[in-house]
Amino acid sequence: MEAASSSRCLDLTPAALAEANRLLAAENDPDKSALRVYVEKGGCSGMQYGLVFDEQRDGDHVMHWDALSVVVDSISAEYLEGSVVDFSDDLNDSGFKVTNPKAKTTCGCGKSFEA
């Protein structure tokens, strides 16, 4: 399987890295050994972020943080360049959050954006 790039198109905070590693340790499917960060049409602002454990695919950008592999498809990489993925376990606002310098607007839920 060939990677499109090993340079990082996004970054993970220590909190996001710790939570992704915790969730990956609970995964039962060895084929889903990488965290996939992607962008797709949808959400209240036109585009939305997604994170899922998946396998590496041809053309993916592959990044490594210690034992965690993060993959991003080439189309999503264009939207995510320079983004930071964080995790918060606050009572009212928990989950993964993406801070994207390319987003013109972001909706109130923080899950979607306009490019």
Protein backbone atom coordinates (compact mmCIF):
# COMPACT_ATOMS: atom_id res chain seq x y z
CA MET A 1 0.00 0.00 0.00
CA GLU A 2 1.46 3.33 -0.98
CA ALA A 3 1.10 6.48 1.08
CA ALA A 4 0.57 9.81 -0.62
CA SER A 5 2.69 11.57 1.95
CA SER A 6 4.17 11.09 5.37
CA SER A 7 4.29 14.82 6.17
CA ARG A 8 1.65 15.99 8.61
CA CYS A 9 -1.29 17.86 7.16
CA LEU A 10 -2.81 18.20 10.64
CA ASP A 11 -1.77 17.94 14.27
CA LEU A 12 -3.15 16.22 17.36
CA THR A 13 -3.07 17.68 20.85
CA PRO A 14 -1.86 15.46 23.70
CA ALA A 15 -5.50 15.11 24.86
CA ALA A 16 -6.64 13.94 21.40
CA LEU A 17 -3.72 11.53 21.16
CA ALA A 18 -4.47 10.03 24.57
CA GLU A 19 -8.18 9.56 23.79
CA ALA A 20 -7.51 8.08 20.32
CA ASN A 21 -5.04 5.60 21.84
CA ARG A 22 -7.58 4.70 24.56
CA LEU A 23 -10.31 4.09 21.99
CA LEU A 24 -7.99 2.16 19.68
CA ALA A 25 -7.02 -0.17 22.53
CA ALA A 26 -10.72 -1.07 22.87
CA GLU A 27 -11.13 -1.85 19.13
CA ASN A 28 -11.63 -5.53 18.34
CA ASP A 29 -10.91 -5.34 14.61
CA PRO A 30 -7.17 -5.51 13.77
CA ASP A 31 -7.89 -4.16 10.25
CA LYS A 32 -9.06 -0.90 11.80
CA SER A 33 -5.69 0.08 13.17
CA ALA A 34 -5.50 3.74 12.09
CA LEU A 35 -7.47 6.82 13.00
CA ARG A 36 -9.01 8.24 9.84
CA VAL A 37 -9.77 11.97 9.88
CA TYR A 38 -11.92 13.08 6.97
CA VAL A 39 -14.17 15.79 5.59
CA GLU A 40 -17.48 15.15 3.83
CA LYS A 41 -20.42 17.17 2.58
CA GLY A 42 -23.06 17.70 5.23
CA GLY A 43 -23.67 19.42 8.51
CA CYS A 44 -25.28 22.81 8.99
CA SER A 45 -22.39 24.72 7.35
CA GLY A 46 -21.91 22.57 4.23
CA MET A 47 -18.94 20.38 5.23
CA GLN A 48 -18.44 18.22 8.30
CA TYR A 49 -15.57 16.44 10.02
CA GLY A 50 -15.44 12.74 10.73
CA LEU A 51 -13.12 10.51 12.74
CA VAL A 52 -13.25 6.72 12.59
CA PHE A 53 -10.92 3.80 13.03
CA ASP A 54 -10.15 2.35 9.61
CA GLU A 55 -7.49 0.69 7.51
CA GLN A 56 -4.92 2.55 5.44
CA ARG A 57 -5.84 2.90 1.76
CA ASP A 58 -3.81 3.68 -1.35
CA GLY A 59 -3.20 7.40 -1.67
CA ASP A 60 -3.78 8.18 2.00
CA HIS A 61 -1.59 10.70 3.80
CA VAL A 62 -0.12 8.73 6.70
CA MET A 63 1.08 10.35 9.90
CA HIS A 64 2.42 8.77 13.07
CA TRP A 65 2.29 9.77 16.71
CA ASP A 66 4.20 7.08 18.59
CA ALA A 67 2.14 3.90 18.03
CA LEU A 68 -0.91 5.72 16.59
CA SER A 69 -1.24 5.97 12.82
CA VAL A 70 -3.50 8.70 11.45
CA VAL A 71 -4.66 8.57 7.83
CA VAL A 72 -6.28 11.27 5.70
CA ASP A 73 -7.46 10.85 2.12
CA SER A 74 -6.04 13.29 -0.41
CA ILE A 75 -9.27 15.29 -0.86
CA SER A 76 -9.78 15.74 2.89
CA ALA A 77 -6.10 16.67 3.29
CA GLU A 78 -6.69 19.79 1.17
CA TYR A 79 -9.40 20.96 3.59
CA LEU A 80 -7.55 19.88 6.75
CA GLU A 81 -4.10 21.38 6.04
CA GLY A 82 -2.94 23.16 9.20
CA SER A 83 -5.82 21.88 11.35
CA VAL A 84 -5.49 20.76 14.96
CA VAL A 85 -7.56 17.91 16.44
CA ASP A 86 -8.23 18.25 20.16
CA PHE A 87 -10.30 16.29 22.67
CA SER A 88 -12.30 17.60 25.59
CA ASP A 89 -14.17 15.63 28.23
CA ASP A 90 -16.01 18.64 29.63
CA LEU A 91 -19.51 17.84 30.82
CA ASN A 92 -21.27 20.17 28.37
CA ASP A 93 -18.89 20.09 25.42
CA SER A 94 -17.13 16.72 25.19
CA GLY A 95 -15.62 15.01 22.17
CA PHE A 96 -13.09 15.56 19.44
CA LYS A 97 -12.89 19.10 18.06
CA VAL A 98 -11.15 20.27 14.90
CA THR A 99 -9.71 23.78 14.70
CA ASN A 100 -9.30 24.52 11.02
CA PRO A 101 -7.56 27.68 9.76
CA LYS A 102 -9.16 27.18 6.32
CA ALA A 103 -12.74 27.31 7.67
CA LYS A 104 -14.46 30.56 6.71
CA THR A 105 -17.29 29.90 9.16
CA THR A 106 -17.95 27.21 11.74
CA CYS A 107 -21.34 26.27 13.10
CA GLY A 108 -22.21 26.45 16.77
CA CYS A 109 -21.91 22.69 17.26
CA GLY A 110 -18.30 22.76 16.04
CA LYS A 111 -18.83 19.70 13.84
CA SER A 112 -19.26 21.46 10.51
CA PHE A 113 -17.72 24.34 8.59
CA GLU A 114 -17.78 26.30 5.37
CA ALA A 115 -14.62 26.15 3.26
